[in-house]
Amino acid sequence: MDSTKEYSIAYDSKRRFVSYWHQIREVISRVSQADKPPRGNVLEVGIGGGFVSRYLRRQGIDVVTVDIEQHLRPDMVADVADLPFPDASFDVATAYEVLEHMPYEKSLQGIDELKRVSRQWVLVSLPDATRAFRFALTIPHVGYVQKIVSVPFLKARNKPYAKSHEWEIGIKRYPLKRVIADIKKAGFQLIKTYRVYENPYHRFFVLRKINTQ
């Protein structure tokens, strides 16, 4: 399969590029705190169109890509639930819009593996199907303000919006509260979670391993 046909301008929409910006920003924010030169090393699970890894490498960051799809030409073909790396191999481990493509219990195995191979930070984004109301205004002496308000459906959806997804935040059986509880149970401190204003379907989680020295 030609990966350029799968990842085209139709896939890499304006809203998705905003999510790329957040992916890049969160990685750079974490590796800048790494002890090892030049600026830390990063595991990217789910290569997508390759934009994020290419950008990070141009910033001097060591990135190793992993994907189950060989035709996407990752550095290593592997499953997120069984990563072929020693413990604590990376300063930052990421999985953006990946875990929802597998059954929920397997996605938790993936979270465990990301934690195992990371020295400290794990960055994840997941689709959030909860309704989002967005507000933007300019306040004198304050500046431009953006706000997202999540409003749960009175009756949760039974199925994900995307046909390729096994589950999404906000659909029946998978409320945000459950997802956060399971992430914390895996041994993480939730530093922050947020939805992207221009693309509220994507929710980011910044996670730090508990008891990391």
C-alpha atoms as a PDB file:
ATOM      1  CA  MET A   1       0.000   0.000   0.000  1.00  0.00           C
ATOM      2  CA  ASP A   2       1.227   3.495  -0.798  1.00  0.00           C
ATOM      3  CA  SER A   3       1.221   5.450   2.467  1.00  0.00           C
ATOM      4  CA  THR A   4       1.018   8.747   0.574  1.00  0.00           C
ATOM      5  CA  LYS A   5      -2.460   7.768  -0.613  1.00  0.00           C
ATOM      6  CA  GLU A   6      -3.676   6.993   2.913  1.00  0.00           C
ATOM      7  CA  TYR A   7      -2.182  10.111   4.505  1.00  0.00           C
ATOM      8  CA  SER A   8      -3.111  12.919   2.147  1.00  0.00           C
ATOM      9  CA  ILE A   9      -4.258  16.520   2.543  1.00  0.00           C
ATOM     10  CA  ALA A  10      -7.741  15.125   3.179  1.00  0.00           C
ATOM     11  CA  TYR A  11      -6.434  13.211   6.210  1.00  0.00           C
ATOM     12  CA  ASP A  12      -4.082  15.954   7.403  1.00  0.00           C
ATOM     13  CA  SER A  13      -6.832  18.517   7.775  1.00  0.00           C
ATOM     14  CA  LYS A  14      -6.428  21.965   9.304  1.00  0.00           C
ATOM     15  CA  ARG A  15      -7.907  20.709  12.585  1.00  0.00           C
ATOM     16  CA  ARG A  16      -5.534  17.727  12.641  1.00  0.00           C
ATOM     17  CA  PHE A  17      -2.571  20.039  12.133  1.00  0.00           C
ATOM     18  CA  VAL A  18      -3.650  21.940  15.235  1.00  0.00           C
ATOM     19  CA  SER A  19      -3.471  18.637  17.105  1.00  0.00           C
ATOM     20  CA  TYR A  20       0.009  18.089  15.647  1.00  0.00           C
ATOM     21  CA  TRP A  21       0.994  21.450  17.150  1.00  0.00           C
ATOM     22  CA  HIS A  22      -0.138  20.270  20.580  1.00  0.00           C
ATOM     23  CA  GLN A  23       1.687  16.963  20.163  1.00  0.00           C
ATOM     24  CA  ILE A  24       4.897  18.773  19.313  1.00  0.00           C
ATOM     25  CA  ARG A  25       4.500  21.359  22.067  1.00  0.00           C
ATOM     26  CA  GLU A  26       3.917  18.753  24.776  1.00  0.00           C
ATOM     27  CA  VAL A  27       6.918  16.680  23.680  1.00  0.00           C
ATOM     28  CA  ILE A  28       9.281  19.655  23.538  1.00  0.00           C
ATOM     29  CA  SER A  29       8.036  20.859  26.946  1.00  0.00           C
ATOM     30  CA  ARG A  30       8.936  17.479  28.499  1.00  0.00           C
ATOM     31  CA  VAL A  31      12.237  16.713  26.773  1.00  0.00           C
ATOM     32  CA  SER A  32      13.529  20.162  27.673  1.00  0.00           C
ATOM     33  CA  GLN A  33      13.472  18.877  31.272  1.00  0.00           C
ATOM     34  CA  ALA A  34      15.408  15.700  30.459  1.00  0.00           C
ATOM     35  CA  ASP A  35      18.811  15.118  32.019  1.00  0.00           C
ATOM     36  CA  LYS A  36      20.387  13.539  28.949  1.00  0.00           C
ATOM     37  CA  PRO A  37      21.784  15.572  26.013  1.00  0.00           C
ATOM     38  CA  PRO A  38      21.008  16.785  23.458  1.00  0.00           C
ATOM     39  CA  ARG A  39      17.346  17.183  24.379  1.00  0.00           C
ATOM     40  CA  GLY A  40      16.099  13.805  25.486  1.00  0.00           C
ATOM     41  CA  ASN A  41      14.773  10.894  23.471  1.00  0.00           C
ATOM     42  CA  VAL A  42      11.206  10.109  22.484  1.00  0.00           C
ATOM     43  CA  LEU A  43       9.185   7.048  21.524  1.00  0.00           C
ATOM     44  CA  GLU A  44       6.338   7.736  19.108  1.00  0.00           C
ATOM     45  CA  VAL A  45       3.822   4.889  18.860  1.00  0.00           C
ATOM     46  CA  GLY A  46       1.640   5.410  15.807  1.00  0.00           C
ATOM     47  CA  ILE A  47       3.605   7.191  13.090  1.00  0.00           C
ATOM     48  CA  GLY A  48       0.626   8.463  11.088  1.00  0.00           C
ATOM     49  CA  GLY A  49       1.812  10.595   8.192  1.00  0.00           C
ATOM     50  CA  GLY A  50       5.189  11.157   9.862  1.00  0.00           C
ATOM     51  CA  PHE A  51       4.871  14.927  10.253  1.00  0.00           C
ATOM     52  CA  VAL A  52       5.423  15.043  14.023  1.00  0.00           C
ATOM     53  CA  SER A  53       8.485  12.785  14.098  1.00  0.00           C
ATOM     54  CA  ARG A  54      10.087  14.672  11.188  1.00  0.00           C
ATOM     55  CA  TYR A  55       9.542  18.012  12.910  1.00  0.00           C
ATOM     56  CA  LEU A  56      10.932  16.807  16.247  1.00  0.00           C
ATOM     57  CA  ARG A  57      14.028  15.351  14.609  1.00  0.00           C
ATOM     58  CA  ARG A  58      14.701  18.691  12.956  1.00  0.00           C
ATOM     59  CA  GLN A  59      14.711  20.160  16.456  1.00  0.00           C
ATOM     60  CA  GLY A  60      17.542  17.813  17.413  1.00  0.00           C
ATOM     61  CA  ILE A  61      15.352  15.370  19.325  1.00  0.00           C
ATOM     62  CA  ASP A  62      16.060  11.646  19.041  1.00  0.00           C
ATOM     63  CA  VAL A  63      12.781   9.982  17.981  1.00  0.00           C
ATOM     64  CA  VAL A  64      12.105   6.256  17.585  1.00  0.00           C
ATOM     65  CA  THR A  65       8.870   5.449  15.755  1.00  0.00           C
ATOM     66  CA  VAL A  66       6.789   2.301  16.193  1.00  0.00           C
ATOM     67  CA  ASP A  67       3.726   1.149  14.283  1.00  0.00           C
ATOM     68  CA  ILE A  68       1.983  -2.133  13.508  1.00  0.00           C
ATOM     69  CA  GLU A  69       1.727  -1.103   9.841  1.00  0.00           C
ATOM     70  CA  GLN A  70       4.951  -1.934   8.011  1.00  0.00           C
ATOM     71  CA  HIS A  71       3.993   0.073   4.920  1.00  0.00           C
ATOM     72  CA  LEU A  72       4.198   3.277   6.992  1.00  0.00           C
ATOM     73  CA  ARG A  73       7.929   2.573   7.405  1.00  0.00           C
ATOM     74  CA  PRO A  74       8.329   3.047  11.157  1.00  0.00           C
ATOM     75  CA  ASP A  75      11.710   2.450  12.746  1.00  0.00           C
ATOM     76  CA  MET A  76      10.258  -0.710  14.276  1.00  0.00           C
ATOM     77  CA  VAL A  77       7.115  -2.725  13.588  1.00  0.00           C
ATOM     78  CA  ALA A  78       5.514  -3.612  16.913  1.00  0.00           C
ATOM     79  CA  ASP A  79       2.322  -3.512  18.968  1.00  0.00           C
ATOM     80  CA  VAL A  80       1.872  -0.893  21.689  1.00  0.00           C
ATOM     81  CA  ALA A  81       0.794  -3.664  24.078  1.00  0.00           C
ATOM     82  CA  ASP A  82       4.138  -5.464  23.585  1.00  0.00           C
ATOM     83  CA  LEU A  83       6.920  -2.955  23.002  1.00  0.00           C
ATOM     84  CA  PRO A  84      10.368  -4.448  22.237  1.00  0.00           C
ATOM     85  CA  PHE A  85      12.368  -2.080  24.437  1.00  0.00           C
ATOM     86  CA  PRO A  86      13.994  -2.404  27.871  1.00  0.00           C
ATOM     87  CA  ASP A  87      12.478  -0.663  30.872  1.00  0.00           C
ATOM     88  CA  ALA A  88      12.994   3.110  31.071  1.00  0.00           C
ATOM     89  CA  SER A  89      14.404   3.430  27.546  1.00  0.00           C
ATOM     90  CA  PHE A  90      12.891   6.845  26.735  1.00  0.00           C
ATOM     91  CA  ASP A  91      12.465  10.190  28.440  1.00  0.00           C
ATOM     92  CA  VAL A  92       9.042  10.530  26.801  1.00  0.00           C
ATOM     93  CA  ALA A  93       6.714   7.887  25.345  1.00  0.00           C
ATOM     94  CA  THR A  94       3.781   9.013  23.205  1.00  0.00           C
ATOM     95  CA  ALA A  95       0.693   7.442  21.655  1.00  0.00           C
ATOM     96  CA  TYR A  96      -1.502   9.969  19.883  1.00  0.00           C
ATOM     97  CA  GLU A  97      -4.886   8.726  18.600  1.00  0.00           C
ATOM     98  CA  VAL A  98      -3.734   5.110  18.813  1.00  0.00           C
ATOM     99  CA  LEU A  99      -5.247   3.335  21.820  1.00  0.00           C
ATOM    100  CA  GLU A 100      -8.868   3.709  20.700  1.00  0.00           C
ATOM    101  CA  HIS A 101      -8.184   1.386  17.746  1.00  0.00           C
ATOM    102  CA  MET A 102      -8.033  -1.641  20.058  1.00  0.00           C
ATOM    103  CA  PRO A 103     -10.361  -3.090  22.716  1.00  0.00           C
ATOM    104  CA  TYR A 104     -10.346  -1.064  25.927  1.00  0.00           C
ATOM    105  CA  GLU A 105      -8.614  -3.720  28.040  1.00  0.00           C
ATOM    106  CA  LYS A 106      -5.822  -3.990  25.483  1.00  0.00           C
ATOM    107  CA  SER A 107      -5.468  -0.211  25.441  1.00  0.00           C
ATOM    108  CA  LEU A 108      -4.800  -0.377  29.196  1.00  0.00           C
ATOM    109  CA  GLN A 109      -2.045  -2.905  28.455  1.00  0.00           C
ATOM    110  CA  GLY A 110      -0.675  -0.320  26.039  1.00  0.00           C
ATOM    111  CA  ILE A 111      -0.725   2.305  28.798  1.00  0.00           C
ATOM    112  CA  ASP A 112       1.230  -0.097  31.027  1.00  0.00           C
ATOM    113  CA  GLU A 113       3.810  -0.656  28.289  1.00  0.00           C
ATOM    114  CA  LEU A 114       4.225   3.064  27.645  1.00  0.00           C
ATOM    115  CA  LYS A 115       4.833   3.512  31.360  1.00  0.00           C
ATOM    116  CA  ARG A 116       7.339   0.655  31.447  1.00  0.00           C
ATOM    117  CA  VAL A 117       9.521   1.984  28.629  1.00  0.00           C
ATOM    118  CA  SER A 118       9.366   5.612  29.782  1.00  0.00           C
ATOM    119  CA  ARG A 119      11.713   7.076  32.353  1.00  0.00           C
ATOM    120  CA  GLN A 120       9.178   9.711  33.390  1.00  0.00           C
ATOM    121  CA  TRP A 121       6.679  11.118  30.890  1.00  0.00           C
ATOM    122  CA  VAL A 122       3.853   9.568  28.869  1.00  0.00           C
ATOM    123  CA  LEU A 123       1.771  11.680  26.494  1.00  0.00           C
ATOM    124  CA  VAL A 124      -1.486  10.333  25.098  1.00  0.00           C
ATOM    125  CA  SER A 125      -4.382  11.701  23.088  1.00  0.00           C
ATOM    126  CA  LEU A 126      -7.740   9.993  22.746  1.00  0.00           C
ATOM    127  CA  PRO A 127     -10.976  10.813  20.909  1.00  0.00           C
ATOM    128  CA  ASP A 128     -13.567  12.486  23.132  1.00  0.00           C
ATOM    129  CA  ALA A 129     -17.112  12.060  21.841  1.00  0.00           C
ATOM    130  CA  THR A 130     -18.646  14.285  24.523  1.00  0.00           C
ATOM    131  CA  ARG A 131     -20.457  17.361  23.210  1.00  0.00           C
ATOM    132  CA  ALA A 132     -18.318  20.466  23.256  1.00  0.00           C
ATOM    133  CA  PHE A 133     -19.443  24.082  23.295  1.00  0.00           C
ATOM    134  CA  ARG A 134     -16.718  26.575  22.386  1.00  0.00           C
ATOM    135  CA  PHE A 135     -16.493  30.238  23.284  1.00  0.00           C
ATOM    136  CA  ALA A 136     -13.929  32.801  22.164  1.00  0.00           C
ATOM    137  CA  LEU A 137     -13.808  36.489  22.969  1.00  0.00           C
ATOM    138  CA  THR A 138     -11.440  39.396  23.461  1.00  0.00           C
ATOM    139  CA  ILE A 139     -11.541  40.941  26.935  1.00  0.00           C
ATOM    140  CA  PRO A 140     -10.078  44.444  27.410  1.00  0.00           C
ATOM    141  CA  HIS A 141      -6.845  44.423  29.448  1.00  0.00           C
ATOM    142  CA  VAL A 142      -6.937  40.606  29.470  1.00  0.00           C
ATOM    143  CA  GLY A 143      -6.648  39.569  25.853  1.00  0.00           C
ATOM    144  CA  TYR A 144      -8.040  36.780  23.714  1.00  0.00           C
ATOM    145  CA  VAL A 145      -9.750  34.004  25.687  1.00  0.00           C
ATOM    146  CA  GLN A 146     -10.826  30.574  24.443  1.00  0.00           C
ATOM    147  CA  LYS A 147     -12.970  28.187  26.453  1.00  0.00           C
ATOM    148  CA  ILE A 148     -14.373  24.696  25.872  1.00  0.00           C
ATOM    149  CA  VAL A 149     -17.301  23.436  27.927  1.00  0.00           C
ATOM    150  CA  SER A 150     -17.955  19.690  27.795  1.00  0.00           C
ATOM    151  CA  VAL A 151     -21.606  18.726  28.196  1.00  0.00           C
ATOM    152  CA  PRO A 152     -22.396  14.990  28.506  1.00  0.00           C
ATOM    153  CA  PHE A 153     -25.282  13.628  26.476  1.00  0.00           C
ATOM    154  CA  LEU A 154     -28.417  12.833  28.460  1.00  0.00           C
ATOM    155  CA  LYS A 155     -28.157   9.398  26.884  1.00  0.00           C
ATOM    156  CA  ALA A 156     -24.639   8.272  26.017  1.00  0.00           C
ATOM    157  CA  ARG A 157     -23.894   7.110  22.484  1.00  0.00           C
ATOM    158  CA  ASN A 158     -23.629   3.355  22.045  1.00  0.00           C
ATOM    159  CA  LYS A 159     -20.948   3.436  19.371  1.00  0.00           C
ATOM    160  CA  PRO A 160     -17.889   5.546  18.550  1.00  0.00           C
ATOM    161  CA  TYR A 161     -18.132   8.213  15.871  1.00  0.00           C
ATOM    162  CA  ALA A 162     -15.299   6.674  13.845  1.00  0.00           C
ATOM    163  CA  LYS A 163     -15.855   3.208  12.399  1.00  0.00           C
ATOM    164  CA  SER A 164     -12.218   2.263  12.998  1.00  0.00           C
ATOM    165  CA  HIS A 165     -12.483   2.965  16.752  1.00  0.00           C
ATOM    166  CA  GLU A 166     -13.274   0.311  19.341  1.00  0.00           C
ATOM    167  CA  TRP A 167     -14.176   2.913  21.965  1.00  0.00           C
ATOM    168  CA  GLU A 168     -14.112   6.655  22.633  1.00  0.00           C
ATOM    169  CA  ILE A 169     -14.343   8.821  25.721  1.00  0.00           C
ATOM    170  CA  GLY A 170     -17.949   9.767  26.400  1.00  0.00           C
ATOM    171  CA  ILE A 171     -19.689   6.826  24.770  1.00  0.00           C
ATOM    172  CA  LYS A 172     -21.568   4.237  26.807  1.00  0.00           C
ATOM    173  CA  ARG A 173     -19.353   2.469  29.388  1.00  0.00           C
ATOM    174  CA  TYR A 174     -16.396   4.810  28.792  1.00  0.00           C
ATOM    175  CA  PRO A 175     -16.974   8.114  30.618  1.00  0.00           C
ATOM    176  CA  LEU A 176     -13.989  10.399  31.194  1.00  0.00           C
ATOM    177  CA  LYS A 177     -14.112   9.573  34.917  1.00  0.00           C
ATOM    178  CA  ARG A 178     -13.499   5.878  34.209  1.00  0.00           C
ATOM    179  CA  VAL A 179     -10.635   6.553  31.793  1.00  0.00           C
ATOM    180  CA  ILE A 180      -8.886   8.871  34.264  1.00  0.00           C
ATOM    181  CA  ALA A 181      -9.360   6.371  37.112  1.00  0.00           C
ATOM    182  CA  ASP A 182      -7.821   3.554  35.051  1.00  0.00           C
ATOM    183  CA  ILE A 183      -4.891   5.754  34.011  1.00  0.00           C
ATOM    184  CA  LYS A 184      -4.182   6.648  37.636  1.00  0.00           C
ATOM    185  CA  LYS A 185      -4.532   2.999  38.651  1.00  0.00           C
ATOM    186  CA  ALA A 186      -1.774   2.188  36.160  1.00  0.00           C
ATOM    187  CA  GLY A 187       0.620   4.253  38.278  1.00  0.00           C
ATOM    188  CA  PHE A 188       0.460   7.746  36.831  1.00  0.00           C
ATOM    189  CA  GLN A 189       0.030  11.231  38.149  1.00  0.00           C
ATOM    190  CA  LEU A 190      -2.311  13.117  35.839  1.00  0.00           C
ATOM    191  CA  ILE A 191      -0.572  16.439  35.314  1.00  0.00           C
ATOM    192  CA  LYS A 192      -3.293  17.769  33.031  1.00  0.00           C
ATOM    193  CA  THR A 193      -5.933  16.791  30.504  1.00  0.00           C
ATOM    194  CA  TYR A 194      -7.531  19.093  27.979  1.00  0.00           C
ATOM    195  CA  ARG A 195      -9.429  19.173  24.706  1.00  0.00           C
ATOM    196  CA  VAL A 196      -8.021  21.025  21.712  1.00  0.00           C
ATOM    197  CA  TYR A 197     -10.086  24.152  21.093  1.00  0.00           C
ATOM    198  CA  GLU A 198      -9.968  23.900  17.302  1.00  0.00           C
ATOM    199  CA  ASN A 199     -10.401  20.115  17.413  1.00  0.00           C
ATOM    200  CA  PRO A 200     -12.281  19.142  20.616  1.00  0.00           C
ATOM    201  CA  TYR A 201     -12.600  15.561  19.382  1.00  0.00           C
ATOM    202  CA  HIS A 202      -8.958  15.163  20.507  1.00  0.00           C
ATOM    203  CA  ARG A 203      -8.301  15.106  24.264  1.00  0.00           C
ATOM    204  CA  PHE A 204      -4.726  15.185  25.543  1.00  0.00           C
ATOM    205  CA  PHE A 205      -3.338  13.597  28.709  1.00  0.00           C
ATOM    206  CA  VAL A 206       0.026  14.568  30.201  1.00  0.00           C
ATOM    207  CA  LEU A 207       1.101  11.769  32.553  1.00  0.00           C
ATOM    208  CA  ARG A 208       4.038  11.384  34.886  1.00  0.00           C
ATOM    209  CA  LYS A 209       5.142   8.092  36.382  1.00  0.00           C
ATOM    210  CA  ILE A 210       4.664   7.991  40.131  1.00  0.00           C
ATOM    211  CA  ASN A 211       7.800   7.571  42.263  1.00  0.00           C
ATOM    212  CA  THR A 212      10.094   8.642  39.425  1.00  0.00           C
ATOM    213  CA  GLN A 213      13.364   9.996  40.770  1.00  0.00           C
END
